Amino acid sequence: MGEVYCFRLPDDLETEAGGGGMKMKLEDMAKFTQLMLQDGCWEGKQLLKGWYYDQARMKHMETKGDSAGHVKEWANGYGYQCWIVKE
């Protein structure tokens, strides 16, 4: 992947907002998505440890009350910066 930019908060510390403000090229987002679809494996190499990937996909935050008027997947919970989608 190339450069990833994060939205900076308007403070004197140059704090980055993180995941919600990330900006990258479409091609890089496609690579990231493919990495996630392959359980953290890229070109035969395991880049994310299995335990971390498993934890990232598990619900850590309840979002059921926040889903009114949104897509149904929003009620499934939130993992490590990932919406949980049930197949």
N, C-alpha and C. Protein backbone atom coordinates (compact mmCIF):
# COMPACT_ATOMS: atom_id res chain seq x y z
N MET A 1 0.84 -1.18 0.00
CA MET A 1 0.00 0.00 0.00
C MET A 1 0.87 1.23 0.00
N GLY A 2 0.29 2.28 -0.50
CA GLY A 2 1.00 3.55 -0.50
C GLY A 2 0.75 4.33 0.77
N GLU A 3 0.77 5.64 0.65
CA GLU A 3 0.57 6.49 1.82
C GLU A 3 -0.89 6.49 2.27
N VAL A 4 -1.08 6.52 3.56
CA VAL A 4 -2.41 6.62 4.15
C VAL A 4 -2.43 7.92 4.96
N TYR A 5 -3.42 8.73 4.70
CA TYR A 5 -3.55 10.00 5.40
C TYR A 5 -4.68 9.93 6.40
N CYS A 6 -4.48 10.52 7.55
CA CYS A 6 -5.54 10.59 8.55
C CYS A 6 -5.91 12.05 8.79
N PHE A 7 -7.17 12.26 9.04
CA PHE A 7 -7.67 13.58 9.38
C PHE A 7 -7.02 14.06 10.66
N ARG A 8 -6.51 15.26 10.67
CA ARG A 8 -5.89 15.82 11.88
C ARG A 8 -6.89 16.69 12.62
N LEU A 9 -6.90 16.52 13.92
CA LEU A 9 -7.78 17.33 14.76
C LEU A 9 -7.22 18.75 14.85
N PRO A 10 -8.09 19.74 15.03
CA PRO A 10 -7.62 21.12 15.09
C PRO A 10 -7.05 21.46 16.48
N ASP A 11 -5.94 20.81 16.84
CA ASP A 11 -5.30 21.10 18.12
C ASP A 11 -3.81 21.37 17.89
N ASP A 12 -3.13 21.78 18.91
CA ASP A 12 -1.70 22.09 18.79
C ASP A 12 -0.83 20.84 18.83
N LEU A 13 -1.41 19.68 19.09
CA LEU A 13 -0.64 18.44 19.23
C LEU A 13 -0.56 17.65 17.93
N GLU A 14 -1.21 18.13 16.87
CA GLU A 14 -1.28 17.43 15.58
C GLU A 14 -1.83 16.01 15.75
N THR A 15 -2.88 15.87 16.54
CA THR A 15 -3.51 14.59 16.82
C THR A 15 -4.26 14.11 15.58
N GLU A 16 -4.04 12.83 15.21
CA GLU A 16 -4.74 12.24 14.08
C GLU A 16 -6.01 11.57 14.58
N ALA A 17 -7.10 11.74 13.83
CA ALA A 17 -8.39 11.19 14.23
C ALA A 17 -8.43 9.66 14.12
N GLY A 18 -7.60 9.07 13.29
CA GLY A 18 -7.56 7.61 13.17
C GLY A 18 -8.45 7.07 12.07
N GLY A 19 -8.94 5.84 12.26
CA GLY A 19 -9.65 5.09 11.24
C GLY A 19 -10.77 5.81 10.53
N GLY A 20 -11.59 6.56 11.26
CA GLY A 20 -12.71 7.21 10.63
C GLY A 20 -12.31 8.30 9.67
N GLY A 21 -11.12 8.81 9.79
CA GLY A 21 -10.69 9.88 8.91
C GLY A 21 -9.61 9.47 7.93
N MET A 22 -9.40 8.17 7.74
CA MET A 22 -8.34 7.72 6.85
C MET A 22 -8.68 8.00 5.39
N LYS A 23 -7.68 8.39 4.65
CA LYS A 23 -7.83 8.62 3.22
C LYS A 23 -6.71 7.88 2.52
N MET A 24 -7.08 7.14 1.47
CA MET A 24 -6.08 6.40 0.69
C MET A 24 -6.61 6.23 -0.72
N LYS A 25 -5.74 5.78 -1.61
CA LYS A 25 -6.16 5.52 -2.98
C LYS A 25 -7.11 4.33 -3.00
N LEU A 26 -8.00 4.33 -3.98
CA LEU A 26 -8.96 3.25 -4.13
C LEU A 26 -8.27 1.90 -4.25
N GLU A 27 -7.18 1.85 -4.99
CA GLU A 27 -6.43 0.61 -5.16
C GLU A 27 -5.91 0.09 -3.82
N ASP A 28 -5.48 0.99 -2.95
CA ASP A 28 -4.97 0.59 -1.64
C ASP A 28 -6.10 0.10 -0.74
N MET A 29 -7.28 0.72 -0.84
CA MET A 29 -8.42 0.23 -0.07
C MET A 29 -8.80 -1.16 -0.54
N ALA A 30 -8.71 -1.41 -1.84
CA ALA A 30 -9.01 -2.74 -2.38
C ALA A 30 -8.01 -3.77 -1.84
N LYS A 31 -6.75 -3.39 -1.74
CA LYS A 31 -5.74 -4.30 -1.17
C LYS A 31 -6.04 -4.60 0.30
N PHE A 32 -6.40 -3.57 1.05
CA PHE A 32 -6.72 -3.77 2.46
C PHE A 32 -7.92 -4.69 2.61
N THR A 33 -8.94 -4.47 1.78
CA THR A 33 -10.13 -5.31 1.81
C THR A 33 -9.78 -6.76 1.50
N GLN A 34 -8.93 -6.96 0.49
CA GLN A 34 -8.51 -8.32 0.14
C GLN A 34 -7.74 -8.97 1.29
N LEU A 35 -6.89 -8.20 1.97
CA LEU A 35 -6.17 -8.71 3.13
C LEU A 35 -7.13 -9.20 4.20
N MET A 36 -8.17 -8.43 4.45
CA MET A 36 -9.16 -8.83 5.45
C MET A 36 -9.94 -10.07 4.99
N LEU A 37 -10.28 -10.14 3.71
CA LEU A 37 -11.01 -11.30 3.19
C LEU A 37 -10.17 -12.58 3.27
N GLN A 38 -8.85 -12.41 3.23
CA GLN A 38 -7.93 -13.57 3.27
C GLN A 38 -7.43 -13.82 4.68
N ASP A 39 -8.19 -13.39 5.68
CA ASP A 39 -7.85 -13.63 7.10
C ASP A 39 -6.46 -13.13 7.48
N GLY A 40 -6.08 -11.98 6.94
CA GLY A 40 -4.81 -11.36 7.30
C GLY A 40 -3.61 -11.89 6.54
N CYS A 41 -3.85 -12.65 5.48
CA CYS A 41 -2.77 -13.24 4.68
C CYS A 41 -2.65 -12.48 3.36
N TRP A 42 -1.41 -12.17 2.95
CA TRP A 42 -1.18 -11.47 1.70
C TRP A 42 -0.04 -12.14 0.94
N GLU A 43 -0.33 -12.55 -0.28
CA GLU A 43 0.65 -13.21 -1.15
C GLU A 43 1.37 -14.33 -0.43
N GLY A 44 0.61 -15.15 0.29
CA GLY A 44 1.17 -16.31 0.98
C GLY A 44 1.81 -16.03 2.33
N LYS A 45 1.86 -14.76 2.73
CA LYS A 45 2.46 -14.39 4.02
C LYS A 45 1.36 -13.97 4.99
N GLN A 46 1.44 -14.46 6.22
CA GLN A 46 0.48 -14.08 7.25
C GLN A 46 0.94 -12.76 7.86
N LEU A 47 0.28 -11.65 7.48
CA LEU A 47 0.68 -10.32 7.97
C LEU A 47 0.03 -9.97 9.30
N LEU A 48 -1.18 -10.46 9.52
CA LEU A 48 -1.84 -10.26 10.80
C LEU A 48 -1.88 -11.59 11.53
N LYS A 49 -1.49 -11.57 12.78
CA LYS A 49 -1.53 -12.81 13.56
C LYS A 49 -2.97 -13.29 13.65
N GLY A 50 -3.15 -14.60 13.60
CA GLY A 50 -4.47 -15.18 13.62
C GLY A 50 -5.32 -14.71 14.79
N TRP A 51 -4.74 -14.64 15.98
CA TRP A 51 -5.50 -14.23 17.17
C TRP A 51 -5.98 -12.79 17.03
N TYR A 52 -5.14 -11.92 16.45
CA TYR A 52 -5.54 -10.53 16.30
C TYR A 52 -6.68 -10.42 15.30
N TYR A 53 -6.55 -11.12 14.20
CA TYR A 53 -7.59 -11.06 13.18
C TYR A 53 -8.91 -11.58 13.73
N ASP A 54 -8.86 -12.66 14.49
CA ASP A 54 -10.08 -13.19 15.12
C ASP A 54 -10.70 -12.17 16.06
N GLN A 55 -9.87 -11.51 16.85
CA GLN A 55 -10.37 -10.49 17.78
C GLN A 55 -10.94 -9.28 17.05
N ALA A 56 -10.31 -8.88 15.95
CA ALA A 56 -10.77 -7.72 15.19
C ALA A 56 -12.17 -7.92 14.64
N ARG A 57 -12.51 -9.18 14.35
CA ARG A 57 -13.82 -9.48 13.77
C ARG A 57 -14.89 -9.76 14.81
N MET A 58 -14.53 -9.80 16.08
CA MET A 58 -15.50 -10.07 17.14
C MET A 58 -16.14 -8.77 17.64
N LYS A 59 -17.36 -8.88 18.12
CA LYS A 59 -18.05 -7.70 18.64
C LYS A 59 -17.43 -7.29 19.97
N HIS A 60 -16.99 -6.04 20.02
CA HIS A 60 -16.44 -5.46 21.25
C HIS A 60 -17.31 -4.31 21.74
N MET A 61 -18.18 -3.82 20.87
CA MET A 61 -19.06 -2.72 21.25
C MET A 61 -20.46 -3.00 20.72
N GLU A 62 -21.43 -2.85 21.58
CA GLU A 62 -22.83 -3.03 21.19
C GLU A 62 -23.30 -1.81 20.40
N THR A 63 -23.97 -2.04 19.29
CA THR A 63 -24.46 -0.94 18.46
C THR A 63 -25.95 -1.07 18.16
N LYS A 64 -26.61 -2.00 18.79
CA LYS A 64 -28.02 -2.26 18.49
C LYS A 64 -28.87 -1.01 18.62
N GLY A 65 -28.67 -0.22 19.64
CA GLY A 65 -29.46 0.99 19.85
C GLY A 65 -29.16 2.10 18.87
N ASP A 66 -28.01 2.01 18.18
CA ASP A 66 -27.61 3.05 17.23
C ASP A 66 -28.06 2.76 15.81
N SER A 67 -28.75 1.64 15.59
CA SER A 67 -29.01 1.20 14.22
C SER A 67 -30.32 1.72 13.64
N ALA A 68 -31.13 2.39 14.42
CA ALA A 68 -32.43 2.87 13.92
C ALA A 68 -32.24 3.76 12.69
N GLY A 69 -32.92 3.40 11.61
CA GLY A 69 -32.85 4.19 10.39
C GLY A 69 -31.62 3.93 9.54
N HIS A 70 -30.80 2.98 9.93
CA HIS A 70 -29.59 2.65 9.17
C HIS A 70 -29.70 1.24 8.62
N VAL A 71 -28.68 0.81 7.92
CA VAL A 71 -28.67 -0.55 7.39
C VAL A 71 -28.65 -1.55 8.54
N LYS A 72 -29.25 -2.71 8.35
CA LYS A 72 -29.40 -3.67 9.44
C LYS A 72 -28.07 -4.13 10.03
N GLU A 73 -26.99 -4.13 9.23
CA GLU A 73 -25.69 -4.59 9.74
C GLU A 73 -25.17 -3.72 10.88
N TRP A 74 -25.64 -2.49 10.96
CA TRP A 74 -25.18 -1.60 12.03
C TRP A 74 -25.58 -2.12 13.40
N ALA A 75 -26.55 -3.00 13.48
CA ALA A 75 -27.00 -3.54 14.76
C ALA A 75 -26.20 -4.76 15.20
N ASN A 76 -25.25 -5.21 14.39
CA ASN A 76 -24.48 -6.42 14.71
C ASN A 76 -23.31 -6.17 15.66
N GLY A 77 -22.95 -4.94 15.88
CA GLY A 77 -21.83 -4.63 16.77
C GLY A 77 -20.64 -4.08 16.01
N TYR A 78 -19.60 -3.79 16.76
CA TYR A 78 -18.40 -3.15 16.22
C TYR A 78 -17.18 -3.86 16.80
N GLY A 79 -16.22 -4.21 15.93
CA GLY A 79 -14.99 -4.85 16.37
C GLY A 79 -13.87 -3.83 16.49
N TYR A 80 -12.66 -4.20 16.10
CA TYR A 80 -11.53 -3.26 16.10
C TYR A 80 -11.61 -2.43 14.82
N GLN A 81 -12.31 -1.32 14.88
CA GLN A 81 -12.50 -0.41 13.76
C GLN A 81 -13.21 -1.07 12.58
N CYS A 82 -14.00 -2.11 12.84
CA CYS A 82 -14.73 -2.83 11.80
C CYS A 82 -16.17 -3.05 12.20
N TRP A 83 -17.10 -2.75 11.30
CA TRP A 83 -18.48 -3.13 11.51
C TRP A 83 -18.56 -4.65 11.35
N ILE A 84 -19.35 -5.28 12.19
CA ILE A 84 -19.53 -6.73 12.12
C ILE A 84 -20.67 -7.03 11.16
N VAL A 85 -20.40 -7.84 10.16
CA VAL A 85 -21.41 -8.23 9.19
C VAL A 85 -21.61 -9.73 9.31
N LYS A 86 -22.84 -10.14 9.50
CA LYS A 86 -23.15 -11.56 9.60
C LYS A 86 -23.63 -12.03 8.24
N GLU A 87 -23.11 -13.16 7.82
CA GLU A 87 -23.47 -13.70 6.49
C GLU A 87 -24.76 -14.47 6.57
